[in-house]
Amino acid sequence: MENLTFEKLPQAVSELHNKLSRIEQLLLERQGPEKEEEMFTVAQAAAFLKISVGTVYLKVSSREIPVNKRGKRLYFYKSELEEWVKGGRKKTVSELQQEAQQYAGKGTRHRR
């Protein structure tokens, strides 16, 4: 790298600005356009979850499933449905045993 002098400083700043602009443009091209989050109707949500439409309504009324209501219509975000499905994961026996050991290891503290 060459030594910068006060006279060369404006040119160096200009070169840095140009390089930064090129890097920013490359990053934007790699990312591509932002995706809009996919929304489902009741029928689409039922198909996605592989359950009946009636079951979707039942889960909505019992507040088991994440839903967005606009007027009389129900909408579901795909990402929220995916998280809801993932949240229903059952723990393995070893995970339950580990939690029990951690809980038992904490014990209770007595005040004096």
PDB file of N, CA and C in Angstrom:
ATOM      1  N   MET A   1       0.851  -1.169   0.000  1.00  0.00           N
ATOM      2  CA  MET A   1       0.000   0.000   0.000  1.00  0.00           C
ATOM      3  C   MET A   1       0.894   1.229   0.000  1.00  0.00           C
ATOM      4  N   GLU A   2       0.562   2.150  -0.835  1.00  0.00           N
ATOM      5  CA  GLU A   2       1.386   3.359  -0.933  1.00  0.00           C
ATOM      6  C   GLU A   2       1.052   4.326   0.194  1.00  0.00           C
ATOM      7  N   ASN A   3       2.006   5.179   0.483  1.00  0.00           N
ATOM      8  CA  ASN A   3       1.807   6.174   1.532  1.00  0.00           C
ATOM      9  C   ASN A   3       0.862   7.258   1.044  1.00  0.00           C
ATOM     10  N   LEU A   4      -0.075   7.614   1.891  1.00  0.00           N
ATOM     11  CA  LEU A   4      -1.022   8.664   1.542  1.00  0.00           C
ATOM     12  C   LEU A   4      -0.508  10.001   2.038  1.00  0.00           C
ATOM     13  N   THR A   5      -0.654  10.970   1.190  1.00  0.00           N
ATOM     14  CA  THR A   5      -0.327  12.338   1.585  1.00  0.00           C
ATOM     15  C   THR A   5      -1.630  13.122   1.627  1.00  0.00           C
ATOM     16  N   PHE A   6      -1.554  14.303   2.169  1.00  0.00           N
ATOM     17  CA  PHE A   6      -2.742  15.139   2.272  1.00  0.00           C
ATOM     18  C   PHE A   6      -3.317  15.448   0.896  1.00  0.00           C
ATOM     19  N   GLU A   7      -2.439  15.601  -0.089  1.00  0.00           N
ATOM     20  CA  GLU A   7      -2.896  15.923  -1.443  1.00  0.00           C
ATOM     21  C   GLU A   7      -3.610  14.734  -2.093  1.00  0.00           C
ATOM     22  N   LYS A   8      -3.226  13.505  -1.732  1.00  0.00           N
ATOM     23  CA  LYS A   8      -3.820  12.305  -2.338  1.00  0.00           C
ATOM     24  C   LYS A   8      -5.071  11.831  -1.587  1.00  0.00           C
ATOM     25  N   LEU A   9      -5.369  12.445  -0.475  1.00  0.00           N
ATOM     26  CA  LEU A   9      -6.481  12.015   0.365  1.00  0.00           C
ATOM     27  C   LEU A   9      -7.845  12.061  -0.347  1.00  0.00           C
ATOM     28  N   PRO A  10      -8.201  13.131  -1.053  1.00  0.00           N
ATOM     29  CA  PRO A  10      -9.503  13.144  -1.742  1.00  0.00           C
ATOM     30  C   PRO A  10      -9.637  12.016  -2.772  1.00  0.00           C
ATOM     31  N   GLN A  11      -8.565  11.733  -3.485  1.00  0.00           N
ATOM     32  CA  GLN A  11      -8.599  10.662  -4.481  1.00  0.00           C
ATOM     33  C   GLN A  11      -8.774   9.302  -3.785  1.00  0.00           C
ATOM     34  N   ALA A  12      -8.088   9.097  -2.669  1.00  0.00           N
ATOM     35  CA  ALA A  12      -8.199   7.836  -1.935  1.00  0.00           C
ATOM     36  C   ALA A  12      -9.616   7.644  -1.395  1.00  0.00           C
ATOM     37  N   VAL A  13     -10.208   8.693  -0.878  1.00  0.00           N
ATOM     38  CA  VAL A  13     -11.580   8.610  -0.370  1.00  0.00           C
ATOM     39  C   VAL A  13     -12.541   8.290  -1.509  1.00  0.00           C
ATOM     40  N   SER A  14     -12.324   8.884  -2.650  1.00  0.00           N
ATOM     41  CA  SER A  14     -13.166   8.625  -3.816  1.00  0.00           C
ATOM     42  C   SER A  14     -13.060   7.160  -4.247  1.00  0.00           C
ATOM     43  N   GLU A  15     -11.843   6.622  -4.256  1.00  0.00           N
ATOM     44  CA  GLU A  15     -11.652   5.215  -4.625  1.00  0.00           C
ATOM     45  C   GLU A  15     -12.340   4.289  -3.622  1.00  0.00           C
ATOM     46  N   LEU A  16     -12.213   4.603  -2.347  1.00  0.00           N
ATOM     47  CA  LEU A  16     -12.881   3.801  -1.319  1.00  0.00           C
ATOM     48  C   LEU A  16     -14.398   3.835  -1.487  1.00  0.00           C
ATOM     49  N   HIS A  17     -14.921   5.001  -1.794  1.00  0.00           N
ATOM     50  CA  HIS A  17     -16.365   5.139  -2.003  1.00  0.00           C
ATOM     51  C   HIS A  17     -16.815   4.283  -3.182  1.00  0.00           C
ATOM     52  N   ASN A  18     -16.056   4.306  -4.272  1.00  0.00           N
ATOM     53  CA  ASN A  18     -16.402   3.507  -5.451  1.00  0.00           C
ATOM     54  C   ASN A  18     -16.362   2.014  -5.135  1.00  0.00           C
ATOM     55  N   LYS A  19     -15.327   1.586  -4.414  1.00  0.00           N
ATOM     56  CA  LYS A  19     -15.215   0.170  -4.067  1.00  0.00           C
ATOM     57  C   LYS A  19     -16.366  -0.257  -3.160  1.00  0.00           C
ATOM     58  N   LEU A  20     -16.698   0.586  -2.212  1.00  0.00           N
ATOM     59  CA  LEU A  20     -17.798   0.277  -1.307  1.00  0.00           C
ATOM     60  C   LEU A  20     -19.125   0.185  -2.066  1.00  0.00           C
ATOM     61  N   SER A  21     -19.321   1.049  -3.025  1.00  0.00           N
ATOM     62  CA  SER A  21     -20.542   1.008  -3.843  1.00  0.00           C
ATOM     63  C   SER A  21     -20.622  -0.292  -4.630  1.00  0.00           C
ATOM     64  N   ARG A  22     -19.480  -0.741  -5.172  1.00  0.00           N
ATOM     65  CA  ARG A  22     -19.465  -2.006  -5.923  1.00  0.00           C
ATOM     66  C   ARG A  22     -19.767  -3.185  -5.008  1.00  0.00           C
ATOM     67  N   ILE A  23     -19.193  -3.184  -3.809  1.00  0.00           N
ATOM     68  CA  ILE A  23     -19.449  -4.268  -2.856  1.00  0.00           C
ATOM     69  C   ILE A  23     -20.928  -4.299  -2.474  1.00  0.00           C
ATOM     70  N   GLU A  24     -21.488  -3.130  -2.221  1.00  0.00           N
ATOM     71  CA  GLU A  24     -22.899  -3.047  -1.865  1.00  0.00           C
ATOM     72  C   GLU A  24     -23.777  -3.578  -2.995  1.00  0.00           C
ATOM     73  N   GLN A  25     -23.453  -3.232  -4.228  1.00  0.00           N
ATOM     74  CA  GLN A  25     -24.216  -3.707  -5.379  1.00  0.00           C
ATOM     75  C   GLN A  25     -24.129  -5.227  -5.498  1.00  0.00           C
ATOM     76  N   LEU A  26     -22.936  -5.792  -5.291  1.00  0.00           N
ATOM     77  CA  LEU A  26     -22.769  -7.244  -5.360  1.00  0.00           C
ATOM     78  C   LEU A  26     -23.584  -7.949  -4.273  1.00  0.00           C
ATOM     79  N   LEU A  27     -23.590  -7.388  -3.083  1.00  0.00           N
ATOM     80  CA  LEU A  27     -24.372  -7.985  -2.000  1.00  0.00           C
ATOM     81  C   LEU A  27     -25.866  -7.957  -2.305  1.00  0.00           C
ATOM     82  N   LEU A  28     -26.332  -6.860  -2.850  1.00  0.00           N
ATOM     83  CA  LEU A  28     -27.750  -6.759  -3.199  1.00  0.00           C
ATOM     84  C   LEU A  28     -28.126  -7.758  -4.288  1.00  0.00           C
ATOM     85  N   GLU A  29     -27.230  -7.965  -5.242  1.00  0.00           N
ATOM     86  CA  GLU A  29     -27.497  -8.925  -6.312  1.00  0.00           C
ATOM     87  C   GLU A  29     -27.542 -10.347  -5.773  1.00  0.00           C
ATOM     88  N   ARG A  30     -26.683 -10.657  -4.808  1.00  0.00           N
ATOM     89  CA  ARG A  30     -26.646 -12.009  -4.243  1.00  0.00           C
ATOM     90  C   ARG A  30     -27.878 -12.304  -3.407  1.00  0.00           C
ATOM     91  N   GLN A  31     -28.393 -11.299  -2.714  1.00  0.00           N
ATOM     92  CA  GLN A  31     -29.558 -11.510  -1.860  1.00  0.00           C
ATOM     93  C   GLN A  31     -30.816 -11.741  -2.676  1.00  0.00           C
ATOM     94  N   GLY A  32     -30.931 -11.091  -3.779  1.00  0.00           N
ATOM     95  CA  GLY A  32     -32.133 -11.206  -4.577  1.00  0.00           C
ATOM     96  C   GLY A  32     -33.258 -10.397  -3.966  1.00  0.00           C
ATOM     97  N   PRO A  33     -34.408 -10.420  -4.588  1.00  0.00           N
ATOM     98  CA  PRO A  33     -35.530  -9.644  -4.059  1.00  0.00           C
ATOM     99  C   PRO A  33     -36.040 -10.258  -2.754  1.00  0.00           C
ATOM    100  N   GLU A  34     -36.521  -9.396  -1.872  1.00  0.00           N
ATOM    101  CA  GLU A  34     -37.060  -9.874  -0.604  1.00  0.00           C
ATOM    102  C   GLU A  34     -38.380 -10.583  -0.862  1.00  0.00           C
ATOM    103  N   LYS A  35     -38.529 -11.716  -0.203  1.00  0.00           N
ATOM    104  CA  LYS A  35     -39.768 -12.468  -0.349  1.00  0.00           C
ATOM    105  C   LYS A  35     -40.819 -11.898   0.589  1.00  0.00           C
ATOM    106  N   GLU A  36     -42.025 -11.820   0.068  1.00  0.00           N
ATOM    107  CA  GLU A  36     -43.136 -11.438   0.918  1.00  0.00           C
ATOM    108  C   GLU A  36     -43.611 -12.709   1.606  1.00  0.00           C
ATOM    109  N   GLU A  37     -43.924 -12.611   2.881  1.00  0.00           N
ATOM    110  CA  GLU A  37     -44.309 -13.806   3.621  1.00  0.00           C
ATOM    111  C   GLU A  37     -45.618 -14.359   3.072  1.00  0.00           C
ATOM    112  N   GLU A  38     -45.644 -15.669   2.900  1.00  0.00           N
ATOM    113  CA  GLU A  38     -46.791 -16.337   2.301  1.00  0.00           C
ATOM    114  C   GLU A  38     -47.933 -16.460   3.310  1.00  0.00           C
ATOM    115  N   MET A  39     -49.129 -16.093   2.862  1.00  0.00           N
ATOM    116  CA  MET A  39     -50.325 -16.194   3.703  1.00  0.00           C
ATOM    117  C   MET A  39     -51.251 -17.254   3.127  1.00  0.00           C
ATOM    118  N   PHE A  40     -51.930 -17.952   4.027  1.00  0.00           N
ATOM    119  CA  PHE A  40     -52.860 -19.004   3.635  1.00  0.00           C
ATOM    120  C   PHE A  40     -54.278 -18.641   4.057  1.00  0.00           C
ATOM    121  N   THR A  41     -55.226 -19.126   3.276  1.00  0.00           N
ATOM    122  CA  THR A  41     -56.625 -19.097   3.688  1.00  0.00           C
ATOM    123  C   THR A  41     -56.865 -20.336   4.551  1.00  0.00           C
ATOM    124  N   VAL A  42     -58.086 -20.505   5.029  1.00  0.00           N
ATOM    125  CA  VAL A  42     -58.395 -21.672   5.856  1.00  0.00           C
ATOM    126  C   VAL A  42     -58.167 -22.957   5.065  1.00  0.00           C
ATOM    127  N   ALA A  43     -58.648 -22.989   3.829  1.00  0.00           N
ATOM    128  CA  ALA A  43     -58.495 -24.195   3.013  1.00  0.00           C
ATOM    129  C   ALA A  43     -57.021 -24.488   2.732  1.00  0.00           C
ATOM    130  N   GLN A  44     -56.244 -23.446   2.439  1.00  0.00           N
ATOM    131  CA  GLN A  44     -54.817 -23.642   2.174  1.00  0.00           C
ATOM    132  C   GLN A  44     -54.083 -24.100   3.429  1.00  0.00           C
ATOM    133  N   ALA A  45     -54.452 -23.530   4.573  1.00  0.00           N
ATOM    134  CA  ALA A  45     -53.829 -23.936   5.837  1.00  0.00           C
ATOM    135  C   ALA A  45     -54.150 -25.395   6.140  1.00  0.00           C
ATOM    136  N   ALA A  46     -55.394 -25.789   5.890  1.00  0.00           N
ATOM    137  CA  ALA A  46     -55.788 -27.181   6.121  1.00  0.00           C
ATOM    138  C   ALA A  46     -54.984 -28.120   5.227  1.00  0.00           C
ATOM    139  N   ALA A  47     -54.827 -27.744   3.964  1.00  0.00           N
ATOM    140  CA  ALA A  47     -54.048 -28.572   3.045  1.00  0.00           C
ATOM    141  C   ALA A  47     -52.584 -28.629   3.474  1.00  0.00           C
ATOM    142  N   PHE A  48     -52.043 -27.506   3.904  1.00  0.00           N
ATOM    143  CA  PHE A  48     -50.643 -27.449   4.337  1.00  0.00           C
ATOM    144  C   PHE A  48     -50.413 -28.328   5.565  1.00  0.00           C
ATOM    145  N   LEU A  49     -51.355 -28.285   6.513  1.00  0.00           N
ATOM    146  CA  LEU A  49     -51.219 -29.058   7.748  1.00  0.00           C
ATOM    147  C   LEU A  49     -51.719 -30.494   7.604  1.00  0.00           C
ATOM    148  N   LYS A  50     -52.350 -30.783   6.468  1.00  0.00           N
ATOM    149  CA  LYS A  50     -52.911 -32.106   6.190  1.00  0.00           C
ATOM    150  C   LYS A  50     -53.980 -32.484   7.228  1.00  0.00           C
ATOM    151  N   ILE A  51     -54.852 -31.521   7.507  1.00  0.00           N
ATOM    152  CA  ILE A  51     -55.998 -31.746   8.385  1.00  0.00           C
ATOM    153  C   ILE A  51     -57.231 -31.190   7.685  1.00  0.00           C
ATOM    154  N   SER A  52     -58.404 -31.496   8.207  1.00  0.00           N
ATOM    155  CA  SER A  52     -59.630 -31.016   7.564  1.00  0.00           C
ATOM    156  C   SER A  52     -59.868 -29.541   7.895  1.00  0.00           C
ATOM    157  N   VAL A  53     -60.698 -28.907   7.080  1.00  0.00           N
ATOM    158  CA  VAL A  53     -61.051 -27.503   7.300  1.00  0.00           C
ATOM    159  C   VAL A  53     -61.769 -27.356   8.641  1.00  0.00           C
ATOM    160  N   GLY A  54     -62.623 -28.318   8.961  1.00  0.00           N
ATOM    161  CA  GLY A  54     -63.326 -28.286  10.243  1.00  0.00           C
ATOM    162  C   GLY A  54     -62.367 -28.339  11.425  1.00  0.00           C
ATOM    163  N   THR A  55     -61.314 -29.126  11.298  1.00  0.00           N
ATOM    164  CA  THR A  55     -60.317 -29.211  12.364  1.00  0.00           C
ATOM    165  C   THR A  55     -59.580 -27.888  12.514  1.00  0.00           C
ATOM    166  N   VAL A  56     -59.341 -27.205  11.403  1.00  0.00           N
ATOM    167  CA  VAL A  56     -58.693 -25.887  11.470  1.00  0.00           C
ATOM    168  C   VAL A  56     -59.582 -24.930  12.254  1.00  0.00           C
ATOM    169  N   TYR A  57     -60.877 -24.907  11.925  1.00  0.00           N
ATOM    170  CA  TYR A  57     -61.806 -24.028  12.649  1.00  0.00           C
ATOM    171  C   TYR A  57     -61.860 -24.387  14.141  1.00  0.00           C
ATOM    172  N   LEU A  58     -61.836 -25.679  14.450  1.00  0.00           N
ATOM    173  CA  LEU A  58     -61.852 -26.126  15.843  1.00  0.00           C
ATOM    174  C   LEU A  58     -60.607 -25.632  16.582  1.00  0.00           C
ATOM    175  N   LYS A  59     -59.448 -25.742  15.938  1.00  0.00           N
ATOM    176  CA  LYS A  59     -58.198 -25.303  16.562  1.00  0.00           C
ATOM    177  C   LYS A  59     -58.156 -23.779  16.703  1.00  0.00           C
ATOM    178  N   VAL A  60     -58.766 -23.070  15.754  1.00  0.00           N
ATOM    179  CA  VAL A  60     -58.833 -21.607  15.854  1.00  0.00           C
ATOM    180  C   VAL A  60     -59.724 -21.210  17.028  1.00  0.00           C
ATOM    181  N   SER A  61     -60.887 -21.856  17.149  1.00  0.00           N
ATOM    182  CA  SER A  61     -61.819 -21.482  18.220  1.00  0.00           C
ATOM    183  C   SER A  61     -61.263 -21.810  19.603  1.00  0.00           C
ATOM    184  N   SER A  62     -60.420 -22.841  19.698  1.00  0.00           N
ATOM    185  CA  SER A  62     -59.818 -23.180  20.994  1.00  0.00           C
ATOM    186  C   SER A  62     -58.452 -22.518  21.169  1.00  0.00           C
ATOM    187  N   ARG A  63     -58.118 -21.633  20.239  1.00  0.00           N
ATOM    188  CA  ARG A  63     -56.866 -20.861  20.282  1.00  0.00           C
ATOM    189  C   ARG A  63     -55.618 -21.738  20.340  1.00  0.00           C
ATOM    190  N   GLU A  64     -55.653 -22.842  19.625  1.00  0.00           N
ATOM    191  CA  GLU A  64     -54.506 -23.748  19.570  1.00  0.00           C
ATOM    192  C   GLU A  64     -53.548 -23.390  18.444  1.00  0.00           C
ATOM    193  N   ILE A  65     -54.031 -22.661  17.472  1.00  0.00           N
ATOM    194  CA  ILE A  65     -53.259 -22.419  16.255  1.00  0.00           C
ATOM    195  C   ILE A  65     -53.155 -20.909  16.029  1.00  0.00           C
ATOM    196  N   PRO A  66     -52.000 -20.414  15.573  1.00  0.00           N
ATOM    197  CA  PRO A  66     -51.865 -18.972  15.336  1.00  0.00           C
ATOM    198  C   PRO A  66     -52.682 -18.535  14.119  1.00  0.00           C
ATOM    199  N   VAL A  67     -53.455 -17.480  14.285  1.00  0.00           N
ATOM    200  CA  VAL A  67     -54.342 -17.028  13.215  1.00  0.00           C
ATOM    201  C   VAL A  67     -54.415 -15.506  13.218  1.00  0.00           C
ATOM    202  N   ASN A  68     -54.701 -14.941  12.053  1.00  0.00           N
ATOM    203  CA  ASN A  68     -54.931 -13.507  11.901  1.00  0.00           C
ATOM    204  C   ASN A  68     -56.338 -13.353  11.341  1.00  0.00           C
ATOM    205  N   LYS A  69     -57.144 -12.543  12.000  1.00  0.00           N
ATOM    206  CA  LYS A  69     -58.525 -12.374  11.572  1.00  0.00           C
ATOM    207  C   LYS A  69     -58.725 -10.958  11.068  1.00  0.00           C
ATOM    208  N   ARG A  70     -59.248 -10.851   9.858  1.00  0.00           N
ATOM    209  CA  ARG A  70     -59.549  -9.562   9.250  1.00  0.00           C
ATOM    210  C   ARG A  70     -61.010  -9.618   8.840  1.00  0.00           C
ATOM    211  N   GLY A  71     -61.859  -8.949   9.619  1.00  0.00           N
ATOM    212  CA  GLY A  71     -63.293  -9.038   9.353  1.00  0.00           C
ATOM    213  C   GLY A  71     -63.776 -10.440   9.683  1.00  0.00           C
ATOM    214  N   LYS A  72     -64.402 -11.083   8.715  1.00  0.00           N
ATOM    215  CA  LYS A  72     -64.879 -12.450   8.919  1.00  0.00           C
ATOM    216  C   LYS A  72     -63.914 -13.482   8.353  1.00  0.00           C
ATOM    217  N   ARG A  73     -62.814 -13.028   7.816  1.00  0.00           N
ATOM    218  CA  ARG A  73     -61.873 -13.947   7.169  1.00  0.00           C
ATOM    219  C   ARG A  73     -60.694 -14.274   8.078  1.00  0.00           C
ATOM    220  N   LEU A  74     -60.235 -15.512   7.961  1.00  0.00           N
ATOM    221  CA  LEU A  74     -59.080 -15.971   8.725  1.00  0.00           C
ATOM    222  C   LEU A  74     -57.894 -16.147   7.785  1.00  0.00           C
ATOM    223  N   TYR A  75     -56.732 -15.701   8.233  1.00  0.00           N
ATOM    224  CA  TYR A  75     -55.503 -15.844   7.456  1.00  0.00           C
ATOM    225  C   TYR A  75     -54.424 -16.442   8.343  1.00  0.00           C
ATOM    226  N   PHE A  76     -53.563 -17.218   7.732  1.00  0.00           N
ATOM    227  CA  PHE A  76     -52.496 -17.888   8.452  1.00  0.00           C
ATOM    228  C   PHE A  76     -51.175 -17.619   7.744  1.00  0.00           C
ATOM    229  N   TYR A  77     -50.149 -17.228   8.505  1.00  0.00           N
ATOM    230  CA  TYR A  77     -48.812 -17.080   7.934  1.00  0.00           C
ATOM    231  C   TYR A  77     -48.151 -18.452   7.906  1.00  0.00           C
ATOM    232  N   LYS A  78     -47.538 -18.761   6.785  1.00  0.00           N
ATOM    233  CA  LYS A  78     -46.887 -20.064   6.636  1.00  0.00           C
ATOM    234  C   LYS A  78     -45.820 -20.263   7.706  1.00  0.00           C
ATOM    235  N   SER A  79     -45.011 -19.227   7.956  1.00  0.00           N
ATOM    236  CA  SER A  79     -43.929 -19.357   8.939  1.00  0.00           C
ATOM    237  C   SER A  79     -44.481 -19.632  10.338  1.00  0.00           C
ATOM    238  N   GLU A  80     -45.615 -19.005  10.690  1.00  0.00           N
ATOM    239  CA  GLU A  80     -46.218 -19.238  12.004  1.00  0.00           C
ATOM    240  C   GLU A  80     -46.754 -20.662  12.114  1.00  0.00           C
ATOM    241  N   LEU A  81     -47.324 -21.169  11.022  1.00  0.00           N
ATOM    242  CA  LEU A  81     -47.816 -22.548  11.039  1.00  0.00           C
ATOM    243  C   LEU A  81     -46.660 -23.533  11.179  1.00  0.00           C
ATOM    244  N   GLU A  82     -45.557 -23.250  10.486  1.00  0.00           N
ATOM    245  CA  GLU A  82     -44.383 -24.123  10.594  1.00  0.00           C
ATOM    246  C   GLU A  82     -43.853 -24.139  12.022  1.00  0.00           C
ATOM    247  N   GLU A  83     -43.777 -22.969  12.653  1.00  0.00           N
ATOM    248  CA  GLU A  83     -43.307 -22.890  14.041  1.00  0.00           C
ATOM    249  C   GLU A  83     -44.268 -23.613  14.979  1.00  0.00           C
ATOM    250  N   TRP A  84     -45.555 -23.502  14.719  1.00  0.00           N
ATOM    251  CA  TRP A  84     -46.552 -24.171  15.541  1.00  0.00           C
ATOM    252  C   TRP A  84     -46.381 -25.686  15.457  1.00  0.00           C
ATOM    253  N   VAL A  85     -46.158 -26.187  14.246  1.00  0.00           N
ATOM    254  CA  VAL A  85     -45.950 -27.626  14.066  1.00  0.00           C
ATOM    255  C   VAL A  85     -44.677 -28.065  14.789  1.00  0.00           C
ATOM    256  N   LYS A  86     -43.616 -27.279  14.656  1.00  0.00           N
ATOM    257  CA  LYS A  86     -42.350 -27.623  15.320  1.00  0.00           C
ATOM    258  C   LYS A  86     -42.494 -27.583  16.836  1.00  0.00           C
ATOM    259  N   GLY A  87     -43.332 -26.704  17.334  1.00  0.00           N
ATOM    260  CA  GLY A  87     -43.528 -26.567  18.775  1.00  0.00           C
ATOM    261  C   GLY A  87     -44.235 -27.759  19.402  1.00  0.00           C
ATOM    262  N   GLY A  88     -44.855 -28.588  18.608  1.00  0.00           N
ATOM    263  CA  GLY A  88     -45.565 -29.749  19.122  1.00  0.00           C
ATOM    264  C   GLY A  88     -44.686 -30.971  19.280  1.00  0.00           C
ATOM    265  N   ARG A  89     -43.400 -30.801  19.172  1.00  0.00           N
ATOM    266  CA  ARG A  89     -42.465 -31.922  19.245  1.00  0.00           C
ATOM    267  C   ARG A  89     -42.495 -32.547  20.639  1.00  0.00           C
ATOM    268  N   LYS A  90     -42.575 -33.859  20.675  1.00  0.00           N
ATOM    269  CA  LYS A  90     -42.546 -34.592  21.941  1.00  0.00           C
ATOM    270  C   LYS A  90     -41.095 -34.864  22.307  1.00  0.00           C
ATOM    271  N   LYS A  91     -40.791 -34.763  23.591  1.00  0.00           N
ATOM    272  CA  LYS A  91     -39.427 -35.000  24.061  1.00  0.00           C
ATOM    273  C   LYS A  91     -39.170 -36.499  24.159  1.00  0.00           C
ATOM    274  N   THR A  92     -37.907 -36.871  23.924  1.00  0.00           N
ATOM    275  CA  THR A  92     -37.524 -38.270  24.047  1.00  0.00           C
ATOM    276  C   THR A  92     -37.383 -38.624  25.525  1.00  0.00           C
ATOM    277  N   VAL A  93     -37.314 -39.918  25.797  1.00  0.00           N
ATOM    278  CA  VAL A  93     -37.173 -40.382  27.176  1.00  0.00           C
ATOM    279  C   VAL A  93     -35.887 -39.839  27.788  1.00  0.00           C
ATOM    280  N   SER A  94     -34.807 -39.848  27.009  1.00  0.00           N
ATOM    281  CA  SER A  94     -33.529 -39.359  27.549  1.00  0.00           C
ATOM    282  C   SER A  94     -33.597 -37.860  27.852  1.00  0.00           C
ATOM    283  N   GLU A  95     -34.299 -37.086  27.021  1.00  0.00           N
ATOM    284  CA  GLU A  95     -34.454 -35.655  27.290  1.00  0.00           C
ATOM    285  C   GLU A  95     -35.261 -35.424  28.565  1.00  0.00           C
ATOM    286  N   LEU A  96     -36.311 -36.215  28.753  1.00  0.00           N
ATOM    287  CA  LEU A  96     -37.125 -36.096  29.963  1.00  0.00           C
ATOM    288  C   LEU A  96     -36.326 -36.477  31.204  1.00  0.00           C
ATOM    289  N   GLN A  97     -35.516 -37.542  31.092  1.00  0.00           N
ATOM    290  CA  GLN A  97     -34.682 -37.953  32.224  1.00  0.00           C
ATOM    291  C   GLN A  97     -33.663 -36.874  32.573  1.00  0.00           C
ATOM    292  N   GLN A  98     -33.081 -36.278  31.546  1.00  0.00           N
ATOM    293  CA  GLN A  98     -32.093 -35.223  31.772  1.00  0.00           C
ATOM    294  C   GLN A  98     -32.743 -34.024  32.469  1.00  0.00           C
ATOM    295  N   GLU A  99     -33.927 -33.645  32.040  1.00  0.00           N
ATOM    296  CA  GLU A  99     -34.640 -32.541  32.691  1.00  0.00           C
ATOM    297  C   GLU A  99     -34.963 -32.872  34.144  1.00  0.00           C
ATOM    298  N   ALA A 100     -35.365 -34.112  34.386  1.00  0.00           N
ATOM    299  CA  ALA A 100     -35.693 -34.526  35.751  1.00  0.00           C
ATOM    300  C   ALA A 100     -34.457 -34.465  36.643  1.00  0.00           C
ATOM    301  N   GLN A 101     -33.310 -34.891  36.113  1.00  0.00           N
ATOM    302  CA  GLN A 101     -32.068 -34.837  36.885  1.00  0.00           C
ATOM    303  C   GLN A 101     -31.681 -33.397  37.187  1.00  0.00           C
ATOM    304  N   GLN A 102     -31.839 -32.523  36.210  1.00  0.00           N
ATOM    305  CA  GLN A 102     -31.510 -31.116  36.427  1.00  0.00           C
ATOM    306  C   GLN A 102     -32.440 -30.508  37.472  1.00  0.00           C
ATOM    307  N   TYR A 103     -33.711 -30.857  37.406  1.00  0.00           N
ATOM    308  CA  TYR A 103     -34.684 -30.329  38.356  1.00  0.00           C
ATOM    309  C   TYR A 103     -34.388 -30.846  39.762  1.00  0.00           C
ATOM    310  N   ALA A 104     -34.097 -32.139  39.862  1.00  0.00           N
ATOM    311  CA  ALA A 104     -33.811 -32.744  41.165  1.00  0.00           C
ATOM    312  C   ALA A 104     -32.495 -32.222  41.733  1.00  0.00           C
ATOM    313  N   GLY A 105     -31.554 -31.896  40.870  1.00  0.00           N
ATOM    314  CA  GLY A 105     -30.249 -31.406  41.313  1.00  0.00           C
ATOM    315  C   GLY A 105     -30.306 -30.013  41.894  1.00  0.00           C
ATOM    316  N   LYS A 106     -31.293 -29.242  41.513  1.00  0.00           N
ATOM    317  CA  LYS A 106     -31.402 -27.872  42.022  1.00  0.00           C
ATOM    318  C   LYS A 106     -31.769 -27.873  43.493  1.00  0.00           C
ATOM    319  N   GLY A 107     -32.673 -28.754  43.887  1.00  0.00           N
ATOM    320  CA  GLY A 107     -33.079 -28.837  45.288  1.00  0.00           C
ATOM    321  C   GLY A 107     -33.797 -27.586  45.735  1.00  0.00           C
ATOM    322  N   THR A 108     -34.134 -27.562  46.993  1.00  0.00           N
ATOM    323  CA  THR A 108     -34.784 -26.377  47.548  1.00  0.00           C
ATOM    324  C   THR A 108     -33.872 -25.762  48.581  1.00  0.00           C
ATOM    325  N   ARG A 109     -33.921 -24.492  48.698  1.00  0.00           N
ATOM    326  CA  ARG A 109     -33.108 -23.780  49.679  1.00  0.00           C
ATOM    327  C   ARG A 109     -33.988 -23.425  50.861  1.00  0.00           C
ATOM    328  N   HIS A 110     -33.463 -23.658  52.035  1.00  0.00           N
ATOM    329  CA  HIS A 110     -34.211 -23.346  53.250  1.00  0.00           C
ATOM    330  C   HIS A 110     -33.704 -22.039  53.825  1.00  0.00           C
ATOM    331  N   ARG A 111     -34.624 -21.225  54.273  1.00  0.00           N
ATOM    332  CA  ARG A 111     -34.237 -19.973  54.930  1.00  0.00           C
ATOM    333  C   ARG A 111     -33.920 -20.245  56.383  1.00  0.00           C
ATOM    334  N   ARG A 112     -32.994 -19.532  56.908  1.00  0.00           N
ATOM    335  CA  ARG A 112     -32.642 -19.684  58.327  1.00  0.00           C
ATOM    336  C   ARG A 112     -33.085 -18.501  59.105  1.00  0.00           C
TER     337      ARG A 112
END
